[in-house]
């Protein structure tokens, strides 16, 4: 289910973010983004990641990895793009068959 909650994006690591996945919802900044197939698929990849990590551990890992990269790179946006969950989603959000063949814990291939 896609929800439109504009104010929630004030709290994101990426200021230009227009979508996010908060189990079990995909949340968008504006209703015009609710029809962007690539964006929605990117967020569906995150929903799958959240499920396989039993939801709460996903968020903990995400935040810890973000801060690890923030300290290492000293740039919030670069830290966001360095998160393994984001690397996996951005690398595969154009391949709409990806989730059909994706192996569990595939985001680990993107962790460094």
Protein backbone atom coordinates (compact mmCIF):
# COMPACT_ATOMS: atom_id res chain seq x y z
CA UNK A 1 0.00 0.00 0.00
CA UNK A 2 1.30 3.45 -0.94
CA UNK A 3 0.75 6.36 1.46
CA UNK A 4 1.40 10.08 0.88
CA UNK A 5 3.02 11.63 3.99
CA UNK A 6 5.06 14.72 2.98
CA UNK A 7 6.23 15.80 6.47
CA UNK A 8 7.96 12.45 7.11
CA UNK A 9 10.67 13.34 4.59
CA UNK A 10 12.03 16.07 6.87
CA UNK A 11 13.64 13.26 8.87
CA UNK A 12 15.46 11.44 6.06
CA UNK A 13 19.21 11.16 5.52
CA UNK A 14 18.74 12.08 1.87
CA UNK A 15 17.10 15.53 1.58
CA UNK A 16 15.90 14.89 -1.97
CA UNK A 17 14.18 11.58 -1.09
CA UNK A 18 10.70 11.17 -2.56
CA UNK A 19 9.93 7.65 -1.33
CA UNK A 20 10.66 5.28 1.55
CA UNK A 21 9.64 1.88 2.76
CA UNK A 22 8.38 1.51 6.31
CA UNK A 23 7.01 -1.99 6.69
CA UNK A 24 4.40 -2.70 5.35
CA UNK A 25 3.96 0.61 3.53
CA UNK A 26 5.64 2.53 0.76
CA UNK A 27 5.50 6.21 1.62
CA UNK A 28 5.89 8.98 -0.95
CA UNK A 29 6.39 12.72 -0.59
CA UNK A 30 3.68 13.65 -3.12
CA UNK A 31 0.93 11.68 -4.88
CA UNK A 32 2.65 12.25 -8.24
CA UNK A 33 5.42 9.88 -7.08
CA UNK A 34 2.93 7.09 -6.31
CA UNK A 35 2.88 6.16 -10.01
CA UNK A 36 6.64 5.97 -10.61
CA UNK A 37 7.24 2.30 -11.32
CA UNK A 38 11.01 2.38 -10.75
CA UNK A 39 10.65 4.23 -7.43
CA UNK A 40 7.98 1.82 -6.20
CA UNK A 41 10.07 -1.18 -7.19
CA UNK A 42 13.11 0.29 -5.40
CA UNK A 43 10.99 0.52 -2.25
CA UNK A 44 9.64 -3.02 -2.75
CA UNK A 45 13.24 -4.24 -2.65
CA UNK A 46 13.56 -2.51 0.73
CA UNK A 47 10.34 -4.17 1.95
CA UNK A 48 11.85 -7.56 1.07
CA UNK A 49 15.07 -6.64 2.91
CA UNK A 50 13.02 -5.60 5.93
CA UNK A 51 11.13 -8.89 5.95
CA UNK A 52 14.21 -11.08 5.77
CA UNK A 53 15.79 -9.20 8.69
CA UNK A 54 12.54 -9.37 10.68
CA UNK A 55 11.86 -5.63 10.30
CA UNK A 56 13.30 -4.03 13.48
CA UNK A 57 16.84 -5.40 12.96
CA UNK A 58 16.71 -3.98 9.42
CA UNK A 59 16.19 -0.46 10.76
CA UNK A 60 18.94 -0.86 13.36
CA UNK A 61 21.37 -2.17 10.76
CA UNK A 62 20.38 0.62 8.34
CA UNK A 63 21.00 3.37 10.91
CA UNK A 64 24.27 1.86 12.17
CA UNK A 65 25.55 1.42 8.64
CA UNK A 66 24.56 4.98 7.78
CA UNK A 67 26.49 6.38 10.74
CA UNK A 68 29.47 4.15 9.99
CA UNK A 69 29.63 5.58 6.45
CA UNK A 70 28.93 9.11 7.69
CA UNK A 71 31.97 8.95 9.99
CA UNK A 72 34.06 7.36 7.24
CA UNK A 73 32.98 9.64 4.37
CA UNK A 74 32.05 12.83 6.30
CA UNK A 75 29.13 13.47 3.93
CA UNK A 76 25.49 12.57 4.62
CA UNK A 77 24.43 11.97 1.04
CA UNK A 78 27.51 9.86 0.25
CA UNK A 79 26.86 7.89 3.44
CA UNK A 80 23.29 7.22 2.29
CA UNK A 81 24.44 5.88 -1.09
CA UNK A 82 27.07 3.69 0.63
CA UNK A 83 24.48 1.75 2.66
CA UNK A 84 24.37 -1.86 1.42
CA UNK A 85 20.55 -1.88 1.33
CA UNK A 86 20.56 1.20 -0.91
CA UNK A 87 23.32 -0.18 -3.13
CA UNK A 88 21.29 -3.33 -3.74
CA UNK A 89 18.07 -1.42 -4.41
CA UNK A 90 19.65 1.14 -6.75
CA UNK A 91 21.56 -1.59 -8.61
CA UNK A 92 18.38 -3.56 -9.29
CA UNK A 93 15.43 -1.15 -9.33
CA UNK A 94 15.33 -1.21 -13.15
CA UNK A 95 15.05 -5.04 -13.29
CA UNK A 96 11.40 -5.63 -12.41
CA UNK A 97 11.95 -9.41 -12.28
CA UNK A 98 14.68 -9.04 -9.63
CA UNK A 99 12.57 -10.00 -6.63
CA UNK A 100 11.44 -13.22 -8.31
CA UNK A 101 15.03 -14.51 -8.42
CA UNK A 102 16.63 -12.64 -5.53
CA UNK A 103 18.37 -14.79 -2.96
CA UNK A 104 17.96 -14.12 0.74
CA UNK A 105 20.43 -11.64 2.25
CA UNK A 106 21.56 -10.47 -1.21
CA UNK A 107 22.33 -7.04 0.21
CA UNK A 108 25.48 -8.55 1.80
CA UNK A 109 27.11 -8.59 -1.64
CA UNK A 110 27.01 -4.78 -1.49
CA UNK A 111 28.40 -4.40 2.02
CA UNK A 112 31.90 -2.92 2.37
